[in-house]
N, C-alpha and C. Protein backbone atom coordinates (compact mmCIF):
# COMPACT_ATOMS: atom_id res chain seq x y z
N UNK A 1 -69.52 73.71 17.73
CA UNK A 1 -68.80 73.15 16.62
C UNK A 1 -69.57 73.50 15.00
N UNK A 2 -68.65 73.26 14.22
CA UNK A 2 -69.88 73.67 12.70
C UNK A 2 -70.15 72.59 12.31
N UNK A 3 -71.07 73.29 11.14
CA UNK A 3 -72.31 72.48 10.53
C UNK A 3 -71.11 71.13 9.39
N UNK A 4 -71.32 70.19 8.65
CA UNK A 4 -70.91 69.52 8.03
C UNK A 4 -69.68 68.59 8.93
N UNK A 5 -69.05 67.64 7.83
CA UNK A 5 -68.52 66.51 8.12
C UNK A 5 -66.67 67.39 8.13
N UNK A 6 -65.98 66.51 8.80
CA UNK A 6 -64.36 67.07 8.71
C UNK A 6 -64.02 66.87 7.65
N UNK A 7 -64.58 65.24 6.94
CA UNK A 7 -63.94 64.41 5.88
C UNK A 7 -64.87 64.18 4.92
N UNK A 8 -64.72 63.57 3.62
CA UNK A 8 -65.21 62.93 2.82
C UNK A 8 -64.36 62.30 2.15
N UNK A 9 -64.80 61.27 1.95
CA UNK A 9 -64.02 60.54 0.66
C UNK A 9 -64.88 59.62 -0.49
N UNK A 10 -64.40 59.93 -1.75
CA UNK A 10 -64.51 59.99 -3.35
C UNK A 10 -63.89 58.94 -4.23
N UNK A 11 -64.68 57.88 -4.42
CA UNK A 11 -64.31 56.76 -5.39
C UNK A 11 -64.84 56.76 -6.74
N UNK A 12 -65.94 57.48 -6.61
CA UNK A 12 -66.26 57.46 -8.16
C UNK A 12 -66.00 58.39 -9.01
N UNK A 13 -65.72 59.95 -8.55
CA UNK A 13 -65.13 61.07 -9.27
C UNK A 13 -66.38 61.26 -10.33
N UNK A 14 -66.17 61.91 -11.46
CA UNK A 14 -67.30 62.88 -12.56
C UNK A 14 -67.41 64.24 -11.39
N UNK A 15 -68.99 64.12 -11.61
CA UNK A 15 -69.36 65.14 -10.85
C UNK A 15 -69.92 64.81 -9.03
N UNK A 16 -69.80 63.77 -8.66
CA UNK A 16 -69.70 64.00 -7.36
C UNK A 16 -69.32 64.92 -6.21
N UNK A 17 -67.70 64.41 -6.31
CA UNK A 17 -66.61 65.49 -5.67
C UNK A 17 -67.69 66.77 -5.56
N UNK A 18 -68.09 67.99 -6.35
CA UNK A 18 -68.11 68.81 -6.51
C UNK A 18 -69.74 69.15 -5.31
N UNK A 19 -70.79 67.46 -5.74
CA UNK A 19 -71.80 67.53 -4.98
C UNK A 19 -71.47 67.41 -3.18
N UNK A 20 -70.65 66.81 -3.00
CA UNK A 20 -69.61 66.24 -1.76
C UNK A 20 -69.71 67.35 -0.78
N UNK A 21 -69.28 68.13 -1.76
CA UNK A 21 -68.18 69.70 -1.24
C UNK A 21 -69.49 70.68 0.14
N UNK A 22 -70.75 70.44 -0.21
CA UNK A 22 -71.61 70.71 0.67
C UNK A 22 -71.69 70.21 1.82
N UNK A 23 -71.17 68.90 1.77
CA UNK A 23 -71.02 67.95 3.54
C UNK A 23 -70.37 68.26 4.07
N UNK A 24 -69.11 69.40 3.81
CA UNK A 24 -67.79 69.41 4.25
C UNK A 24 -67.65 70.92 5.36
N UNK A 25 -67.57 70.92 6.51
CA UNK A 25 -67.43 71.91 7.25
C UNK A 25 -66.18 72.59 6.81
N UNK A 26 -66.47 74.04 7.01
CA UNK A 26 -65.22 74.82 6.48
C UNK A 26 -63.78 74.24 7.45
N UNK A 27 -62.90 74.00 6.41
CA UNK A 27 -61.90 73.45 6.33
C UNK A 27 -61.35 72.20 6.93
N UNK A 28 -62.72 71.68 5.70
CA UNK A 28 -62.69 69.92 5.78
C UNK A 28 -61.65 69.28 4.58
N UNK A 29 -61.83 68.43 4.42
CA UNK A 29 -60.63 67.52 3.85
C UNK A 29 -61.44 66.56 2.82
N UNK A 30 -61.24 66.50 1.83
CA UNK A 30 -62.19 65.51 0.48
C UNK A 30 -60.90 64.62 0.30
N UNK A 31 -61.24 63.29 0.10
CA UNK A 31 -59.92 62.28 -0.42
C UNK A 31 -60.24 62.11 -1.58
N UNK A 32 -60.42 62.12 -2.51
CA UNK A 32 -60.35 61.58 -3.93
C UNK A 32 -59.44 60.06 -3.78
N UNK A 33 -59.88 59.04 -4.78
CA UNK A 33 -59.19 57.91 -4.63
C UNK A 33 -59.39 57.07 -5.53
N UNK A 34 -60.42 57.57 -6.71
CA UNK A 34 -60.63 56.63 -7.46
C UNK A 34 -61.62 57.42 -8.50
N UNK A 35 -62.11 56.41 -9.89
CA UNK A 35 -62.86 57.31 -10.54
C UNK A 35 -63.77 56.25 -11.04
N UNK A 36 -64.48 55.58 -10.89
CA UNK A 36 -65.22 54.63 -11.17
C UNK A 36 -66.58 54.81 -11.87
N UNK A 37 -66.64 56.55 -12.48
CA UNK A 37 -67.51 56.65 -12.90
C UNK A 37 -67.11 56.86 -14.36
N UNK A 38 -66.17 56.42 -14.39
CA UNK A 38 -65.05 56.59 -15.90
C UNK A 38 -64.48 57.91 -16.23
N UNK A 39 -64.48 58.62 -14.74
CA UNK A 39 -63.47 60.48 -15.15
C UNK A 39 -63.39 60.92 -14.01
N UNK A 40 -62.40 61.64 -14.58
CA UNK A 40 -61.57 62.44 -12.65
C UNK A 40 -62.38 63.14 -12.77
N UNK A 41 -62.57 63.86 -11.23
CA UNK A 41 -63.49 65.34 -10.98
C UNK A 41 -62.72 65.98 -11.90
N UNK A 42 -63.50 66.99 -11.97
CA UNK A 42 -62.77 68.85 -12.43
C UNK A 42 -63.00 69.49 -11.72
N UNK A 43 -62.35 69.43 -10.35
CA UNK A 43 -62.65 70.56 -9.28
C UNK A 43 -61.51 71.36 -9.69
N UNK A 44 -61.74 72.82 -9.59
CA UNK A 44 -60.96 73.62 -9.51
C UNK A 44 -60.56 74.58 -8.11
N UNK A 45 -59.50 75.03 -7.35
CA UNK A 45 -59.32 75.90 -6.90
C UNK A 45 -60.36 77.00 -6.55
N UNK A 46 -61.17 77.27 -7.52
CA UNK A 46 -61.95 78.87 -6.39
C UNK A 46 -63.50 77.34 -5.90
N UNK A 47 -63.32 76.04 -6.43
CA UNK A 47 -64.28 75.30 -5.65
C UNK A 47 -63.74 75.01 -4.37
N UNK A 48 -62.12 75.17 -3.77
CA UNK A 48 -62.04 74.76 -3.11
C UNK A 48 -61.88 75.81 -2.01
N UNK A 49 -61.83 77.18 -2.23
CA UNK A 49 -61.90 78.19 -1.77
C UNK A 49 -63.37 78.72 -0.90
N UNK A 50 -64.02 78.52 -1.35
CA UNK A 50 -65.36 78.44 -1.01
C UNK A 50 -65.31 78.28 0.56
N UNK A 51 -64.95 77.16 0.68
CA UNK A 51 -65.09 76.94 2.37
C UNK A 51 -63.51 76.36 3.11
N UNK A 52 -62.20 76.69 2.44
CA UNK A 52 -61.14 76.76 2.65
C UNK A 52 -60.76 75.29 2.87
N UNK A 53 -61.39 74.43 1.90
CA UNK A 53 -60.96 73.31 2.04
C UNK A 53 -59.59 72.59 1.44
N UNK A 54 -59.44 71.00 2.13
CA UNK A 54 -58.39 70.44 1.57
C UNK A 54 -58.46 69.50 0.68
N UNK A 55 -57.80 69.01 -0.34
CA UNK A 55 -58.20 68.11 -1.43
C UNK A 55 -56.46 67.35 -1.79
N UNK A 56 -56.71 65.92 -1.52
CA UNK A 56 -55.94 64.91 -1.82
C UNK A 56 -56.39 64.26 -2.88
N UNK A 57 -55.65 63.66 -3.74
CA UNK A 57 -55.68 62.84 -4.57
C UNK A 57 -54.87 61.54 -4.35
N UNK A 58 -55.24 60.42 -4.15
CA UNK A 58 -54.16 59.27 -3.80
C UNK A 58 -53.97 58.09 -4.60
N UNK A 59 -53.44 57.37 -4.76
CA UNK A 59 -52.75 56.88 -5.72
C UNK A 59 -51.90 55.26 -5.10
N UNK A 60 -52.82 53.97 -5.07
CA UNK A 60 -52.23 52.96 -4.47
C UNK A 60 -50.78 52.74 -4.47
N UNK A 61 -50.19 53.09 -5.82
CA UNK A 61 -49.07 52.77 -5.87
C UNK A 61 -48.23 53.56 -4.90
N UNK A 62 -48.27 54.92 -4.52
CA UNK A 62 -47.69 55.67 -3.74
C UNK A 62 -47.45 54.69 -2.29
N UNK A 63 -48.47 54.39 -1.49
CA UNK A 63 -48.49 53.49 -0.51
C UNK A 63 -47.80 52.15 -0.07
N UNK A 64 -47.99 51.52 -1.85
CA UNK A 64 -47.36 49.99 -1.30
C UNK A 64 -46.73 49.73 -3.09
N UNK A 65 -45.84 49.91 -3.02
CA UNK A 65 -44.69 49.83 -4.03
C UNK A 65 -44.47 49.06 -4.74
N UNK A 66 -44.59 47.40 -3.75
CA UNK A 66 -43.88 46.44 -4.43
C UNK A 66 -44.96 45.37 -3.77
N UNK A 67 -45.27 44.03 -4.49
CA UNK A 67 -46.07 43.01 -3.93
C UNK A 67 -45.70 42.93 -2.83
N UNK A 68 -44.75 42.58 -2.47
CA UNK A 68 -44.51 42.28 -0.83
C UNK A 68 -44.89 43.68 0.05
N UNK A 69 -44.71 44.60 -0.05
CA UNK A 69 -45.29 45.81 0.61
C UNK A 69 -47.04 45.49 0.82
N UNK A 70 -47.51 45.31 -0.61
CA UNK A 70 -49.02 45.26 -0.27
C UNK A 70 -49.64 44.02 0.82
N UNK A 71 -48.76 42.92 0.19
CA UNK A 71 -49.19 41.84 0.94
C UNK A 71 -48.86 42.57 2.51
N UNK A 72 -47.78 42.62 3.26
CA UNK A 72 -47.83 43.03 4.60
C UNK A 72 -48.25 44.14 5.07
N UNK A 73 -48.52 44.77 3.89
CA UNK A 73 -49.98 45.70 4.17
C UNK A 73 -51.23 45.10 4.52
N UNK A 74 -51.70 44.30 3.96
CA UNK A 74 -52.73 43.57 4.17
C UNK A 74 -52.85 42.72 5.63
N UNK A 75 -51.51 41.89 5.21
CA UNK A 75 -51.67 41.39 6.79
C UNK A 75 -51.54 41.92 7.89
N UNK A 76 -50.89 43.19 7.98
CA UNK A 76 -50.94 44.09 8.98
C UNK A 76 -52.90 44.37 9.13
N UNK A 77 -53.69 44.19 8.31
CA UNK A 77 -55.15 44.47 8.71
C UNK A 77 -55.57 42.90 8.92
N UNK A 78 -55.03 42.27 8.60
CA UNK A 78 -56.02 40.97 9.17
C UNK A 78 -56.39 40.15 7.77
N UNK A 79 -56.07 40.74 6.58
CA UNK A 79 -56.47 40.17 5.25
C UNK A 79 -55.53 39.59 4.87
N UNK A 80 -56.50 38.09 4.58
CA UNK A 80 -55.42 36.75 3.71
C UNK A 80 -55.52 36.85 2.29
N UNK A 81 -54.28 37.49 1.41
CA UNK A 81 -54.22 37.80 0.49
C UNK A 81 -53.65 36.40 -0.55
N UNK A 82 -54.09 35.76 -1.55
CA UNK A 82 -52.92 35.06 -1.81
C UNK A 82 -52.22 35.57 -2.77
N UNK A 83 -52.47 36.47 -3.63
CA UNK A 83 -51.64 36.76 -4.64
C UNK A 83 -51.75 38.76 -5.00
N UNK A 84 -50.99 39.22 -4.89
CA UNK A 84 -50.59 40.41 -5.18
C UNK A 84 -50.35 41.08 -6.67
N UNK A 85 -51.51 41.56 -8.13
CA UNK A 85 -51.36 41.93 -9.13
C UNK A 85 -49.88 43.22 -9.33
N UNK A 86 -49.10 43.24 -9.96
CA UNK A 86 -48.20 44.47 -10.34
C UNK A 86 -49.45 45.75 -10.60
N UNK A 87 -48.93 46.59 -10.20
CA UNK A 87 -49.77 47.95 -10.37
C UNK A 87 -48.71 48.54 -11.49
N UNK A 88 -49.41 49.39 -12.36
CA UNK A 88 -48.95 50.15 -13.71
C UNK A 88 -48.43 51.14 -13.01
């Protein structure tokens, strides 16, 4: 089995995703889902080619488009939400 993980998840952004690439095995996947550092990552295509990595950038609004859908998803996970704020 190749060294490294099959996937990494990053909610920080900034320079961290570039550092996380070294934790991936060849053909591993990286999921970017936030920018807590205040800025998005500037990973480029050449960074991904170094290990034939896969990259996706998620946005919550694409997974739950309405407050009702957010509530239904939370309830399916056993989370009790009182209210869901609309997403921009």
